Every structure is written in structure tokens, then in C-alpha cells.
Amino acid sequence: MSDDRGAITAFVAVVATALVLVAGMAYDGGRVITAHNATRHAAERAARAGAQQIDLAQLRATGEPRLDPDAARSAALDYLERVGLAGSAVVSRASITVTATRTQPMLILPGPDRVITVRQTATAVDEAQP
């Protein structure tokens, strides 16, 4: 007669570990995907907020739409601050490019680096013809 006591314990430990890893991939992976989408949308909205800051004096004088660089940058960065993100904004005549940054911690998956940094960039360009 063989002694099989404890054999099922090792099997349960291996299966439980595998289930935790699968659950971690689903949960943490979903959070990372959500972070990418939310960061991209925030960058797009910040770019639109900046793109609304037209230099009216330039537009009236020349008919050429151009952004007020300081106001556009400020509007974009203010939007990012309101939604709790860090970022940068670069203005070039009639366009603004916003980069938003978010850190997303991993809650279940093990590993040495348990924080993911998400960066998304969006550009708003004025293509209107005067």
C-alpha cells in the first residue's frame, strides 16, 4: 500500500497559483487597457481645449487662423490637471500636440516593476479655410 497523503495538496497549490495568475492577467490587463483608453481620450480632449484658443487679432488682421500659444498650452495643461494627469503641450501655429501621462499600478500580477506608465499623444489641427 502506497502513502499518497499530501499529493493532492501540491496539486491544489499549483492549480491555485495558476488561477491567481490568470485572474491577475484578466484584472490587471483590463486595468492597463482602460488606462490606455482613458489617457488617450484625455489627451484628445486637452488638445481640443487648446485648439479653441485662437489668436483673434491675427485672425482679424490676416484671415489666417493661428493659435494663441500661451493660452492654448495653458488650456490644454489645465484640462490635464483637472482630470488628474501629468503631461505636456506643444503649440505650432494652427495645431497643438498634447502628451498625457498616467501611472497604472498592477494589483495582482507579481513582478519587480508593478507600475505601468501610460503615455498617449493627440494633435488638434485647424484645417478650416478662411
Protein backbone atom coordinates (compact mmCIF):
# COMPACT_ATOMS: atom_id res chain seq x y z
CA MET A 1 0.00 0.00 0.00
CA SER A 2 1.50 3.39 -1.01
CA ASP A 3 1.19 6.55 1.06
CA ASP A 4 -0.42 9.26 -1.12
CA ARG A 5 -1.16 11.70 1.68
CA GLY A 6 -0.20 15.29 0.73
CA ALA A 7 -0.18 14.64 -3.03
CA ILE A 8 -3.45 16.48 -3.54
CA THR A 9 -2.08 19.47 -1.55
CA ALA A 10 0.72 20.02 -4.08
CA PHE A 11 -1.75 19.77 -6.96
CA VAL A 12 -4.11 22.30 -5.33
CA ALA A 13 -1.21 24.69 -4.67
CA VAL A 14 -0.12 24.59 -8.33
CA VAL A 15 -3.67 25.00 -9.65
CA ALA A 16 -4.43 27.82 -7.20
CA THR A 17 -1.27 29.67 -8.25
CA ALA A 18 -2.20 29.27 -11.92
CA LEU A 19 -5.71 30.57 -11.24
CA VAL A 20 -4.37 33.62 -9.41
CA LEU A 21 -2.06 34.39 -12.34
CA VAL A 22 -4.89 34.03 -14.86
CA ALA A 23 -7.13 36.25 -12.74
CA GLY A 24 -4.27 38.75 -12.44
CA MET A 25 -3.80 38.85 -16.20
CA ALA A 26 -7.51 39.45 -16.71
CA TYR A 27 -7.89 42.06 -13.95
CA ASP A 28 -4.59 43.92 -14.28
CA GLY A 29 -4.63 43.60 -18.07
CA GLY A 30 -8.10 45.12 -18.17
CA ARG A 31 -6.97 47.99 -15.96
CA VAL A 32 -4.00 48.68 -18.24
CA ILE A 33 -6.22 48.69 -21.34
CA THR A 34 -8.65 51.04 -19.57
CA ALA A 35 -5.75 53.31 -18.57
CA HIS A 36 -4.57 53.49 -22.20
CA ASN A 37 -8.06 54.39 -23.43
CA ALA A 38 -8.71 56.96 -20.68
CA THR A 39 -5.31 58.57 -21.21
CA ARG A 40 -5.82 58.76 -24.98
CA HIS A 41 -9.24 60.36 -24.52
CA ALA A 42 -7.85 62.86 -22.01
CA ALA A 43 -5.05 63.81 -24.44
CA GLU A 44 -7.62 64.29 -27.22
CA ARG A 45 -9.87 66.44 -25.03
CA ALA A 46 -6.91 68.51 -23.81
CA ALA A 47 -5.82 69.08 -27.42
CA ARG A 48 -9.34 70.21 -28.33
CA ALA A 49 -9.39 72.57 -25.34
CA GLY A 50 -6.11 74.08 -26.52
CA ALA A 51 -7.25 74.26 -30.14
CA GLN A 52 -10.10 76.55 -29.15
CA GLN A 53 -7.66 79.28 -28.12
CA ILE A 54 -7.46 81.16 -31.43
CA ASP A 55 -5.40 84.35 -31.70
CA LEU A 56 -8.31 86.60 -32.70
CA ALA A 57 -6.12 89.64 -33.50
CA GLN A 58 -4.13 87.53 -36.00
CA LEU A 59 -7.32 86.08 -37.49
CA ARG A 60 -8.91 89.51 -37.94
CA ALA A 61 -5.74 91.08 -39.36
CA THR A 62 -4.76 88.35 -41.84
CA GLY A 63 -7.67 85.92 -42.08
CA GLU A 64 -5.21 83.17 -41.12
CA PRO A 65 -6.22 81.10 -38.11
CA ARG A 66 -3.41 80.73 -35.61
CA LEU A 67 -3.43 79.61 -32.01
CA ASP A 68 -2.51 81.88 -29.15
CA PRO A 69 0.43 79.71 -27.97
CA ASP A 70 0.30 80.65 -24.29
CA ALA A 71 -3.48 80.38 -23.98
CA ALA A 72 -3.58 77.09 -25.94
CA ARG A 73 -0.83 75.50 -23.86
CA SER A 74 -2.44 76.74 -20.65
CA ALA A 75 -5.91 75.45 -21.61
CA ALA A 76 -4.55 72.02 -22.50
CA LEU A 77 -2.47 71.68 -19.34
CA ASP A 78 -5.35 72.97 -17.20
CA TYR A 79 -7.58 70.26 -18.63
CA LEU A 80 -5.00 67.56 -17.87
CA GLU A 81 -4.63 68.88 -14.34
CA ARG A 82 -8.42 68.82 -13.81
CA VAL A 83 -8.54 65.13 -14.75
CA GLY A 84 -5.50 64.31 -12.61
CA LEU A 85 -2.91 63.64 -15.30
CA ALA A 86 0.55 64.98 -16.00
CA GLY A 87 1.54 65.98 -19.49
CA SER A 88 2.94 68.46 -21.94
CA ALA A 89 1.62 70.59 -24.78
CA VAL A 90 3.43 71.91 -27.86
CA VAL A 91 1.81 74.62 -30.00
CA SER A 92 2.74 75.22 -33.63
CA ARG A 93 0.78 77.92 -35.49
CA ALA A 94 -2.63 76.26 -36.04
CA SER A 95 -2.02 72.95 -34.23
CA ILE A 96 -1.42 71.70 -30.72
CA THR A 97 0.05 68.37 -29.69
CA VAL A 98 -0.68 67.11 -26.19
CA THR A 99 1.01 64.20 -24.45
CA ALA A 100 -0.75 62.85 -21.36
CA THR A 101 0.92 60.55 -18.84
CA ARG A 102 -0.65 58.25 -16.26
CA THR A 103 0.79 55.60 -13.97
CA GLN A 104 -1.21 52.42 -13.52
CA PRO A 105 -0.29 50.08 -10.64
CA MET A 106 -0.57 46.34 -11.08
CA LEU A 107 -2.56 44.94 -8.16
CA ILE A 108 -2.44 41.18 -8.64
CA LEU A 109 0.37 40.17 -11.01
CA PRO A 110 3.70 39.65 -9.27
CA GLY A 111 6.89 41.17 -10.57
CA PRO A 112 9.66 43.60 -9.80
CA ASP A 113 8.04 46.56 -11.59
CA ARG A 114 4.39 46.66 -10.59
CA VAL A 115 3.62 50.07 -12.09
CA ILE A 116 2.93 50.70 -15.77
CA THR A 117 3.44 54.19 -17.23
CA VAL A 118 0.96 55.04 -19.96
CA ARG A 119 1.66 57.88 -22.42
CA GLN A 120 -0.73 58.91 -25.15
CA THR A 121 -0.40 61.76 -27.65
CA ALA A 122 -3.10 63.65 -29.55
CA THR A 123 -2.92 66.52 -32.03
CA ALA A 124 -5.65 69.00 -32.88
CA VAL A 125 -5.16 70.81 -36.18
CA ASP A 126 -7.19 73.72 -37.51
CA GLU A 127 -7.94 72.83 -41.11
CA ALA A 128 -10.60 75.49 -41.59
CA GLN A 129 -10.33 77.59 -44.72
CA PRO A 130 -10.80 81.34 -44.11
